[in-house]
Amino acid sequence: MGRARKEKKIIDLATKKTLHVNLTTSSHAGLRIECFKHRISMQEAIEEFAHLISIGHTGMISLLESVQKKKIKNQIKKIESADADAIYNILEIESPFKDGT
């Protein structure tokens, strides 16, 4: 490996970060298909997405806010479900009918 190539690898390692994400199968497939249609790699699409967020692009910030609201809503649903489960468990334990009477 030539010296210039080694130096480029060192620079790349110093200036780039690695991102590992888990996607649902359908999200991954959809992203891959759309990138293929536009003749770009998934890496290029995600890099542009990250760049737009980093510069405060209005559309991307709105998207993040939408995801945040969705996350909060899902957390509330989980809490409501846990509360309902707890209430049913208490009713089951305290039920006057549990001994068949």
PDB file of N, CA and C in Angstrom:
ATOM      1  N   MET A   1       0.856  -1.170   0.000  1.00  0.00           N
ATOM      2  CA  MET A   1       0.000   0.000   0.000  1.00  0.00           C
ATOM      3  C   MET A   1       0.898   1.228   0.000  1.00  0.00           C
ATOM      4  N   GLY A   2       0.600   2.164  -0.900  1.00  0.00           N
ATOM      5  CA  GLY A   2       1.413   3.364  -1.012  1.00  0.00           C
ATOM      6  C   GLY A   2       1.214   4.304   0.166  1.00  0.00           C
ATOM      7  N   ARG A   3       2.186   5.182   0.329  1.00  0.00           N
ATOM      8  CA  ARG A   3       2.154   6.129   1.450  1.00  0.00           C
ATOM      9  C   ARG A   3       0.930   7.044   1.385  1.00  0.00           C
ATOM     10  N   ALA A   4       0.614   7.548   0.202  1.00  0.00           N
ATOM     11  CA  ALA A   4      -0.532   8.445   0.040  1.00  0.00           C
ATOM     12  C   ALA A   4      -1.830   7.730   0.421  1.00  0.00           C
ATOM     13  N   ARG A   5      -1.929   6.469   0.059  1.00  0.00           N
ATOM     14  CA  ARG A   5      -3.135   5.699   0.379  1.00  0.00           C
ATOM     15  C   ARG A   5      -3.247   5.464   1.882  1.00  0.00           C
ATOM     16  N   LYS A   6      -2.123   5.189   2.554  1.00  0.00           N
ATOM     17  CA  LYS A   6      -2.125   5.013   4.010  1.00  0.00           C
ATOM     18  C   LYS A   6      -2.537   6.305   4.698  1.00  0.00           C
ATOM     19  N   GLU A   7      -2.021   7.426   4.200  1.00  0.00           N
ATOM     20  CA  GLU A   7      -2.373   8.718   4.795  1.00  0.00           C
ATOM     21  C   GLU A   7      -3.856   9.020   4.611  1.00  0.00           C
ATOM     22  N   LYS A   8      -4.405   8.664   3.442  1.00  0.00           N
ATOM     23  CA  LYS A   8      -5.830   8.891   3.204  1.00  0.00           C
ATOM     24  C   LYS A   8      -6.662   8.064   4.167  1.00  0.00           C
ATOM     25  N   LYS A   9      -6.288   6.811   4.412  1.00  0.00           N
ATOM     26  CA  LYS A   9      -7.024   5.973   5.352  1.00  0.00           C
ATOM     27  C   LYS A   9      -6.979   6.562   6.756  1.00  0.00           C
ATOM     28  N   ILE A  10      -5.824   7.091   7.158  1.00  0.00           N
ATOM     29  CA  ILE A  10      -5.703   7.698   8.480  1.00  0.00           C
ATOM     30  C   ILE A  10      -6.612   8.921   8.575  1.00  0.00           C
ATOM     31  N   ILE A  11      -6.625   9.738   7.530  1.00  0.00           N
ATOM     32  CA  ILE A  11      -7.489  10.922   7.511  1.00  0.00           C
ATOM     33  C   ILE A  11      -8.950  10.505   7.559  1.00  0.00           C
ATOM     34  N   ASP A  12      -9.334   9.497   6.761  1.00  0.00           N
ATOM     35  CA  ASP A  12     -10.717   9.021   6.767  1.00  0.00           C
ATOM     36  C   ASP A  12     -11.132   8.546   8.148  1.00  0.00           C
ATOM     37  N   LEU A  13     -10.277   7.802   8.828  1.00  0.00           N
ATOM     38  CA  LEU A  13     -10.599   7.310  10.160  1.00  0.00           C
ATOM     39  C   LEU A  13     -10.754   8.451  11.153  1.00  0.00           C
ATOM     40  N   ALA A  14      -9.994   9.502  10.960  1.00  0.00           N
ATOM     41  CA  ALA A  14     -10.043  10.631  11.878  1.00  0.00           C
ATOM     42  C   ALA A  14     -11.232  11.538  11.622  1.00  0.00           C
ATOM     43  N   THR A  15     -11.765  11.533  10.408  1.00  0.00           N
ATOM     44  CA  THR A  15     -12.830  12.474  10.061  1.00  0.00           C
ATOM     45  C   THR A  15     -14.198  11.829   9.888  1.00  0.00           C
ATOM     46  N   LYS A  16     -14.293  10.535   9.995  1.00  0.00           N
ATOM     47  CA  LYS A  16     -15.574   9.852   9.809  1.00  0.00           C
ATOM     48  C   LYS A  16     -15.931   9.046  11.053  1.00  0.00           C
ATOM     49  N   LYS A  17     -17.213   8.926  11.290  1.00  0.00           N
ATOM     50  CA  LYS A  17     -17.736   8.132  12.398  1.00  0.00           C
ATOM     51  C   LYS A  17     -18.584   7.014  11.823  1.00  0.00           C
ATOM     52  N   THR A  18     -18.657   5.926  12.557  1.00  0.00           N
ATOM     53  CA  THR A  18     -19.449   4.782  12.137  1.00  0.00           C
ATOM     54  C   THR A  18     -20.764   4.792  12.893  1.00  0.00           C
ATOM     55  N   LEU A  19     -21.840   4.447  12.202  1.00  0.00           N
ATOM     56  CA  LEU A  19     -23.170   4.399  12.790  1.00  0.00           C
ATOM     57  C   LEU A  19     -23.751   3.018  12.555  1.00  0.00           C
ATOM     58  N   HIS A  20     -24.233   2.410  13.618  1.00  0.00           N
ATOM     59  CA  HIS A  20     -24.889   1.106  13.499  1.00  0.00           C
ATOM     60  C   HIS A  20     -26.343   1.289  13.910  1.00  0.00           C
ATOM     61  N   VAL A  21     -27.266   0.894  13.047  1.00  0.00           N
ATOM     62  CA  VAL A  21     -28.690   1.030  13.346  1.00  0.00           C
ATOM     63  C   VAL A  21     -29.409  -0.283  13.062  1.00  0.00           C
ATOM     64  N   ASN A  22     -30.489  -0.489  13.780  1.00  0.00           N
ATOM     65  CA  ASN A  22     -31.368  -1.629  13.520  1.00  0.00           C
ATOM     66  C   ASN A  22     -32.646  -1.088  12.910  1.00  0.00           C
ATOM     67  N   LEU A  23     -33.006  -1.621  11.769  1.00  0.00           N
ATOM     68  CA  LEU A  23     -34.232  -1.230  11.083  1.00  0.00           C
ATOM     69  C   LEU A  23     -35.135  -2.442  10.964  1.00  0.00           C
ATOM     70  N   THR A  24     -36.435  -2.181  10.899  1.00  0.00           N
ATOM     71  CA  THR A  24     -37.338  -3.286  10.601  1.00  0.00           C
ATOM     72  C   THR A  24     -37.047  -3.751   9.172  1.00  0.00           C
ATOM     73  N   THR A  25     -37.415  -4.956   8.899  1.00  0.00           N
ATOM     74  CA  THR A  25     -37.169  -5.503   7.560  1.00  0.00           C
ATOM     75  C   THR A  25     -37.845  -4.656   6.492  1.00  0.00           C
ATOM     76  N   SER A  26     -39.069  -4.217   6.765  1.00  0.00           N
ATOM     77  CA  SER A  26     -39.788  -3.442   5.753  1.00  0.00           C
ATOM     78  C   SER A  26     -39.174  -2.053   5.566  1.00  0.00           C
ATOM     79  N   SER A  27     -38.724  -1.419   6.662  1.00  0.00           N
ATOM     80  CA  SER A  27     -38.074  -0.106   6.526  1.00  0.00           C
ATOM     81  C   SER A  27     -36.778  -0.227   5.744  1.00  0.00           C
ATOM     82  N   HIS A  28     -36.000  -1.254   6.051  1.00  0.00           N
ATOM     83  CA  HIS A  28     -34.730  -1.471   5.350  1.00  0.00           C
ATOM     84  C   HIS A  28     -34.982  -1.695   3.864  1.00  0.00           C
ATOM     85  N   ALA A  29     -35.946  -2.554   3.572  1.00  0.00           N
ATOM     86  CA  ALA A  29     -36.246  -2.859   2.167  1.00  0.00           C
ATOM     87  C   ALA A  29     -36.731  -1.611   1.434  1.00  0.00           C
ATOM     88  N   GLY A  30     -37.610  -0.847   2.064  1.00  0.00           N
ATOM     89  CA  GLY A  30     -38.124   0.366   1.433  1.00  0.00           C
ATOM     90  C   GLY A  30     -37.035   1.386   1.178  1.00  0.00           C
ATOM     91  N   LEU A  31     -36.149   1.569   2.159  1.00  0.00           N
ATOM     92  CA  LEU A  31     -35.029   2.501   1.989  1.00  0.00           C
ATOM     93  C   LEU A  31     -34.117   2.036   0.871  1.00  0.00           C
ATOM     94  N   ARG A  32     -33.828   0.765   0.865  1.00  0.00           N
ATOM     95  CA  ARG A  32     -32.932   0.221  -0.164  1.00  0.00           C
ATOM     96  C   ARG A  32     -33.523   0.387  -1.567  1.00  0.00           C
ATOM     97  N   ILE A  33     -34.811   0.125  -1.684  1.00  0.00           N
ATOM     98  CA  ILE A  33     -35.479   0.251  -2.990  1.00  0.00           C
ATOM     99  C   ILE A  33     -35.452   1.700  -3.469  1.00  0.00           C
ATOM    100  N   GLU A  34     -35.805   2.633  -2.588  1.00  0.00           N
ATOM    101  CA  GLU A  34     -35.831   4.044  -2.986  1.00  0.00           C
ATOM    102  C   GLU A  34     -34.426   4.550  -3.342  1.00  0.00           C
ATOM    103  N   CYS A  35     -33.441   4.132  -2.576  1.00  0.00           N
ATOM    104  CA  CYS A  35     -32.066   4.533  -2.910  1.00  0.00           C
ATOM    105  C   CYS A  35     -31.654   3.959  -4.257  1.00  0.00           C
ATOM    106  N   PHE A  36     -32.011   2.696  -4.497  1.00  0.00           N
ATOM    107  CA  PHE A  36     -31.688   2.062  -5.771  1.00  0.00           C
ATOM    108  C   PHE A  36     -32.346   2.812  -6.933  1.00  0.00           C
ATOM    109  N   LYS A  37     -33.616   3.194  -6.761  1.00  0.00           N
ATOM    110  CA  LYS A  37     -34.334   3.936  -7.802  1.00  0.00           C
ATOM    111  C   LYS A  37     -33.638   5.255  -8.130  1.00  0.00           C
ATOM    112  N   HIS A  38     -33.052   5.884  -7.114  1.00  0.00           N
ATOM    113  CA  HIS A  38     -32.401   7.178  -7.304  1.00  0.00           C
ATOM    114  C   HIS A  38     -30.892   7.052  -7.553  1.00  0.00           C
ATOM    115  N   ARG A  39     -30.448   5.797  -7.653  1.00  0.00           N
ATOM    116  CA  ARG A  39     -29.040   5.504  -7.947  1.00  0.00           C
ATOM    117  C   ARG A  39     -28.093   6.125  -6.920  1.00  0.00           C
ATOM    118  N   ILE A  40     -28.479   6.005  -5.659  1.00  0.00           N
ATOM    119  CA  ILE A  40     -27.597   6.424  -4.567  1.00  0.00           C
ATOM    120  C   ILE A  40     -27.509   5.280  -3.563  1.00  0.00           C
ATOM    121  N   SER A  41     -26.472   5.302  -2.772  1.00  0.00           N
ATOM    122  CA  SER A  41     -26.335   4.273  -1.748  1.00  0.00           C
ATOM    123  C   SER A  41     -27.117   4.680  -0.505  1.00  0.00           C
ATOM    124  N   MET A  42     -27.404   3.709   0.339  1.00  0.00           N
ATOM    125  CA  MET A  42     -28.054   4.013   1.613  1.00  0.00           C
ATOM    126  C   MET A  42     -27.140   4.914   2.439  1.00  0.00           C
ATOM    127  N   GLN A  43     -25.847   4.708   2.336  1.00  0.00           N
ATOM    128  CA  GLN A  43     -24.868   5.551   3.030  1.00  0.00           C
ATOM    129  C   GLN A  43     -25.021   7.011   2.603  1.00  0.00           C
ATOM    130  N   GLU A  44     -25.132   7.238   1.314  1.00  0.00           N
ATOM    131  CA  GLU A  44     -25.279   8.607   0.811  1.00  0.00           C
ATOM    132  C   GLU A  44     -26.584   9.249   1.302  1.00  0.00           C
ATOM    133  N   ALA A  45     -27.660   8.474   1.314  1.00  0.00           N
ATOM    134  CA  ALA A  45     -28.944   8.995   1.776  1.00  0.00           C
ATOM    135  C   ALA A  45     -28.893   9.363   3.251  1.00  0.00           C
ATOM    136  N   ILE A  46     -28.327   8.489   4.062  1.00  0.00           N
ATOM    137  CA  ILE A  46     -28.264   8.740   5.504  1.00  0.00           C
ATOM    138  C   ILE A  46     -27.309   9.887   5.807  1.00  0.00           C
ATOM    139  N   GLU A  47     -26.207   9.979   5.067  1.00  0.00           N
ATOM    140  CA  GLU A  47     -25.277  11.100   5.245  1.00  0.00           C
ATOM    141  C   GLU A  47     -25.975  12.426   4.963  1.00  0.00           C
ATOM    142  N   GLU A  48     -26.764  12.487   3.888  1.00  0.00           N
ATOM    143  CA  GLU A  48     -27.476  13.715   3.557  1.00  0.00           C
ATOM    144  C   GLU A  48     -28.532  14.039   4.611  1.00  0.00           C
ATOM    145  N   PHE A  49     -29.227  13.021   5.085  1.00  0.00           N
ATOM    146  CA  PHE A  49     -30.218  13.199   6.144  1.00  0.00           C
ATOM    147  C   PHE A  49     -29.553  13.790   7.392  1.00  0.00           C
ATOM    148  N   ALA A  50     -28.434  13.227   7.801  1.00  0.00           N
ATOM    149  CA  ALA A  50     -27.708  13.729   8.973  1.00  0.00           C
ATOM    150  C   ALA A  50     -27.231  15.161   8.756  1.00  0.00           C
ATOM    151  N   HIS A  51     -26.743  15.440   7.561  1.00  0.00           N
ATOM    152  CA  HIS A  51     -26.272  16.795   7.241  1.00  0.00           C
ATOM    153  C   HIS A  51     -27.412  17.808   7.348  1.00  0.00           C
ATOM    154  N   LEU A  52     -28.559  17.471   6.777  1.00  0.00           N
ATOM    155  CA  LEU A  52     -29.704  18.396   6.815  1.00  0.00           C
ATOM    156  C   LEU A  52     -30.158  18.660   8.248  1.00  0.00           C
ATOM    157  N   ILE A  53     -30.140  17.644   9.075  1.00  0.00           N
ATOM    158  CA  ILE A  53     -30.486  17.835  10.487  1.00  0.00           C
ATOM    159  C   ILE A  53     -29.458  18.746  11.153  1.00  0.00           C
ATOM    160  N   SER A  54     -28.182  18.499  10.864  1.00  0.00           N
ATOM    161  CA  SER A  54     -27.114  19.255  11.527  1.00  0.00           C
ATOM    162  C   SER A  54     -27.133  20.740  11.184  1.00  0.00           C
ATOM    163  N   ILE A  55     -27.691  21.080  10.012  1.00  0.00           N
ATOM    164  CA  ILE A  55     -27.757  22.499   9.647  1.00  0.00           C
ATOM    165  C   ILE A  55     -29.120  23.111   9.971  1.00  0.00           C
ATOM    166  N   GLY A  56     -29.976  22.323  10.632  1.00  0.00           N
ATOM    167  CA  GLY A  56     -31.264  22.844  11.073  1.00  0.00           C
ATOM    168  C   GLY A  56     -32.308  22.986   9.987  1.00  0.00           C
ATOM    169  N   HIS A  57     -32.238  22.157   8.966  1.00  0.00           N
ATOM    170  CA  HIS A  57     -33.223  22.193   7.873  1.00  0.00           C
ATOM    171  C   HIS A  57     -34.628  22.046   8.457  1.00  0.00           C
ATOM    172  N   THR A  58     -35.490  22.986   8.129  1.00  0.00           N
ATOM    173  CA  THR A  58     -36.829  23.055   8.711  1.00  0.00           C
ATOM    174  C   THR A  58     -37.619  21.749   8.551  1.00  0.00           C
ATOM    175  N   GLY A  59     -37.585  21.175   7.374  1.00  0.00           N
ATOM    176  CA  GLY A  59     -38.316  19.931   7.127  1.00  0.00           C
ATOM    177  C   GLY A  59     -37.803  18.775   7.965  1.00  0.00           C
ATOM    178  N   MET A  60     -36.498  18.707   8.102  1.00  0.00           N
ATOM    179  CA  MET A  60     -35.913  17.622   8.881  1.00  0.00           C
ATOM    180  C   MET A  60     -36.179  17.807  10.379  1.00  0.00           C
ATOM    181  N   ILE A  61     -36.139  19.042  10.842  1.00  0.00           N
ATOM    182  CA  ILE A  61     -36.435  19.306  12.252  1.00  0.00           C
ATOM    183  C   ILE A  61     -37.897  18.978  12.537  1.00  0.00           C
ATOM    184  N   SER A  62     -38.779  19.302  11.604  1.00  0.00           N
ATOM    185  CA  SER A  62     -40.198  18.940  11.755  1.00  0.00           C
ATOM    186  C   SER A  62     -40.362  17.425  11.823  1.00  0.00           C
ATOM    187  N   LEU A  63     -39.602  16.722  11.009  1.00  0.00           N
ATOM    188  CA  LEU A  63     -39.642  15.262  11.034  1.00  0.00           C
ATOM    189  C   LEU A  63     -39.203  14.736  12.401  1.00  0.00           C
ATOM    190  N   LEU A  64     -38.124  15.286  12.939  1.00  0.00           N
ATOM    191  CA  LEU A  64     -37.656  14.868  14.264  1.00  0.00           C
ATOM    192  C   LEU A  64     -38.709  15.143  15.329  1.00  0.00           C
ATOM    193  N   GLU A  65     -39.356  16.295  15.250  1.00  0.00           N
ATOM    194  CA  GLU A  65     -40.403  16.637  16.215  1.00  0.00           C
ATOM    195  C   GLU A  65     -41.572  15.665  16.104  1.00  0.00           C
ATOM    196  N   SER A  66     -41.901  15.261  14.885  1.00  0.00           N
ATOM    197  CA  SER A  66     -42.972  14.292  14.662  1.00  0.00           C
ATOM    198  C   SER A  66     -42.608  12.938  15.281  1.00  0.00           C
ATOM    199  N   VAL A  67     -41.371  12.519  15.104  1.00  0.00           N
ATOM    200  CA  VAL A  67     -40.908  11.260  15.686  1.00  0.00           C
ATOM    201  C   VAL A  67     -40.949  11.347  17.214  1.00  0.00           C
ATOM    202  N   GLN A  68     -40.563  12.504  17.759  1.00  0.00           N
ATOM    203  CA  GLN A  68     -40.595  12.707  19.203  1.00  0.00           C
ATOM    204  C   GLN A  68     -42.024  12.568  19.738  1.00  0.00           C
ATOM    205  N   LYS A  69     -42.983  13.202  19.074  1.00  0.00           N
ATOM    206  CA  LYS A  69     -44.385  13.113  19.499  1.00  0.00           C
ATOM    207  C   LYS A  69     -44.883  11.678  19.434  1.00  0.00           C
ATOM    208  N   LYS A  70     -44.513  10.975  18.375  1.00  0.00           N
ATOM    209  CA  LYS A  70     -44.905   9.574  18.212  1.00  0.00           C
ATOM    210  C   LYS A  70     -44.322   8.724  19.343  1.00  0.00           C
ATOM    211  N   LYS A  71     -43.081   8.991  19.688  1.00  0.00           N
ATOM    212  CA  LYS A  71     -42.422   8.248  20.767  1.00  0.00           C
ATOM    213  C   LYS A  71     -43.132   8.495  22.094  1.00  0.00           C
ATOM    214  N   ILE A  72     -43.456   9.753  22.390  1.00  0.00           N
ATOM    215  CA  ILE A  72     -44.143  10.091  23.634  1.00  0.00           C
ATOM    216  C   ILE A  72     -45.512   9.412  23.674  1.00  0.00           C
ATOM    217  N   LYS A  73     -46.226   9.452  22.556  1.00  0.00           N
ATOM    218  CA  LYS A  73     -47.553   8.825  22.480  1.00  0.00           C
ATOM    219  C   LYS A  73     -47.452   7.325  22.744  1.00  0.00           C
ATOM    220  N   ASN A  74     -46.439   6.675  22.164  1.00  0.00           N
ATOM    221  CA  ASN A  74     -46.244   5.238  22.378  1.00  0.00           C
ATOM    222  C   ASN A  74     -45.882   4.939  23.824  1.00  0.00           C
ATOM    223  N   GLN A  75     -45.095   5.830  24.453  1.00  0.00           N
ATOM    224  CA  GLN A  75     -44.741   5.631  25.854  1.00  0.00           C
ATOM    225  C   GLN A  75     -45.982   5.753  26.734  1.00  0.00           C
ATOM    226  N   ILE A  76     -46.852   6.690  26.414  1.00  0.00           N
ATOM    227  CA  ILE A  76     -48.095   6.851  27.176  1.00  0.00           C
ATOM    228  C   ILE A  76     -48.956   5.603  27.025  1.00  0.00           C
ATOM    229  N   LYS A  77     -49.043   5.068  25.813  1.00  0.00           N
ATOM    230  CA  LYS A  77     -49.815   3.846  25.594  1.00  0.00           C
ATOM    231  C   LYS A  77     -49.252   2.697  26.417  1.00  0.00           C
ATOM    232  N   LYS A  78     -47.916   2.591  26.493  1.00  0.00           N
ATOM    233  CA  LYS A  78     -47.282   1.531  27.282  1.00  0.00           C
ATOM    234  C   LYS A  78     -47.620   1.698  28.755  1.00  0.00           C
ATOM    235  N   ILE A  79     -47.598   2.929  29.249  1.00  0.00           N
ATOM    236  CA  ILE A  79     -47.928   3.189  30.650  1.00  0.00           C
ATOM    237  C   ILE A  79     -49.389   2.836  30.910  1.00  0.00           C
ATOM    238  N   GLU A  80     -50.283   3.261  30.018  1.00  0.00           N
ATOM    239  CA  GLU A  80     -51.700   2.955  30.174  1.00  0.00           C
ATOM    240  C   GLU A  80     -51.930   1.451  30.187  1.00  0.00           C
ATOM    241  N   SER A  81     -51.214   0.747  29.322  1.00  0.00           N
ATOM    242  CA  SER A  81     -51.342  -0.703  29.262  1.00  0.00           C
ATOM    243  C   SER A  81     -50.825  -1.335  30.552  1.00  0.00           C
ATOM    244  N   ALA A  82     -49.703  -0.844  31.055  1.00  0.00           N
ATOM    245  CA  ALA A  82     -49.144  -1.362  32.304  1.00  0.00           C
ATOM    246  C   ALA A  82     -50.090  -1.082  33.461  1.00  0.00           C
ATOM    247  N   ASP A  83     -50.694   0.115  33.479  1.00  0.00           N
ATOM    248  CA  ASP A  83     -51.658   0.457  34.520  1.00  0.00           C
ATOM    249  C   ASP A  83     -52.862  -0.476  34.468  1.00  0.00           C
ATOM    250  N   ALA A  84     -53.352  -0.716  33.272  1.00  0.00           N
ATOM    251  CA  ALA A  84     -54.501  -1.604  33.126  1.00  0.00           C
ATOM    252  C   ALA A  84     -54.154  -3.009  33.600  1.00  0.00           C
ATOM    253  N   ASP A  85     -52.968  -3.496  33.246  1.00  0.00           N
ATOM    254  CA  ASP A  85     -52.534  -4.824  33.692  1.00  0.00           C
ATOM    255  C   ASP A  85     -52.449  -4.879  35.215  1.00  0.00           C
ATOM    256  N   ALA A  86     -51.901  -3.811  35.815  1.00  0.00           N
ATOM    257  CA  ALA A  86     -51.777  -3.767  37.273  1.00  0.00           C
ATOM    258  C   ALA A  86     -53.154  -3.788  37.930  1.00  0.00           C
ATOM    259  N   ILE A  87     -54.097  -3.034  37.383  1.00  0.00           N
ATOM    260  CA  ILE A  87     -55.457  -2.999  37.939  1.00  0.00           C
ATOM    261  C   ILE A  87     -56.106  -4.373  37.841  1.00  0.00           C
ATOM    262  N   TYR A  88     -55.973  -5.031  36.695  1.00  0.00           N
ATOM    263  CA  TYR A  88     -56.549  -6.373  36.547  1.00  0.00           C
ATOM    264  C   TYR A  88     -55.908  -7.366  37.514  1.00  0.00           C
ATOM    265  N   ASN A  89     -54.601  -7.234  37.708  1.00  0.00           N
ATOM    266  CA  ASN A  89     -53.925  -8.123  38.665  1.00  0.00           C
ATOM    267  C   ASN A  89     -54.449  -7.912  40.082  1.00  0.00           C
ATOM    268  N   ILE A  90     -54.628  -6.657  40.467  1.00  0.00           N
ATOM    269  CA  ILE A  90     -55.166  -6.352  41.800  1.00  0.00           C
ATOM    270  C   ILE A  90     -56.579  -6.903  41.933  1.00  0.00           C
ATOM    271  N   LEU A  91     -57.397  -6.693  40.907  1.00  0.00           N
ATOM    272  CA  LEU A  91     -58.764  -7.203  40.951  1.00  0.00           C
ATOM    273  C   LEU A  91     -58.780  -8.720  41.056  1.00  0.00           C
ATOM    274  N   GLU A  92     -57.873  -9.347  40.365  1.00  0.00           N
ATOM    275  CA  GLU A  92     -57.797 -10.808  40.406  1.00  0.00           C
ATOM    276  C   GLU A  92     -57.414 -11.283  41.801  1.00  0.00           C
ATOM    277  N   ILE A  93     -56.456 -10.619  42.419  1.00  0.00           N
ATOM    278  CA  ILE A  93     -55.999 -10.992  43.761  1.00  0.00           C
ATOM    279  C   ILE A  93     -57.076 -10.705  44.807  1.00  0.00           C
ATOM    280  N   GLU A  94     -57.720  -9.561  44.670  1.00  0.00           N
ATOM    281  CA  GLU A  94     -58.697  -9.099  45.675  1.00  0.00           C
ATOM    282  C   GLU A  94     -60.130  -9.520  45.369  1.00  0.00           C
ATOM    283  N   SER A  95     -60.313 -10.268  44.318  1.00  0.00           N
ATOM    284  CA  SER A  95     -61.652 -10.612  43.882  1.00  0.00           C
ATOM    285  C   SER A  95     -62.389 -11.428  44.950  1.00  0.00           C
ATOM    286  N   PRO A  96     -63.633 -11.025  45.261  1.00  0.00           N
ATOM    287  CA  PRO A  96     -64.420 -11.801  46.210  1.00  0.00           C
ATOM    288  C   PRO A  96     -64.913 -13.112  45.577  1.00  0.00           C
ATOM    289  N   PHE A  97     -64.756 -13.260  44.282  1.00  0.00           N
ATOM    290  CA  PHE A  97     -65.241 -14.447  43.584  1.00  0.00           C
ATOM    291  C   PHE A  97     -64.140 -15.452  43.309  1.00  0.00           C
ATOM    292  N   LYS A  98     -62.932 -15.229  43.793  1.00  0.00           N
ATOM    293  CA  LYS A  98     -61.820 -16.104  43.422  1.00  0.00           C
ATOM    294  C   LYS A  98     -61.917 -17.506  43.979  1.00  0.00           C
ATOM    295  N   ASP A  99     -62.645 -17.676  45.069  1.00  0.00           N
ATOM    296  CA  ASP A  99     -62.789 -19.014  45.654  1.00  0.00           C
ATOM    297  C   ASP A  99     -64.068 -19.692  45.190  1.00  0.00           C
ATOM    298  N   GLY A 100     -64.670 -19.108  44.187  1.00  0.00           N
ATOM    299  CA  GLY A 100     -65.899 -19.706  43.646  1.00  0.00           C
ATOM    300  C   GLY A 100     -67.129 -19.364  44.472  1.00  0.00           C
ATOM    301  N   THR A 101     -66.990 -18.428  45.385  1.00  0.00           N
ATOM    302  CA  THR A 101     -68.151 -18.070  46.213  1.00  0.00           C
ATOM    303  C   THR A 101     -68.899 -16.920  45.625  1.00  0.00           C
TER     304      THR A 101
END
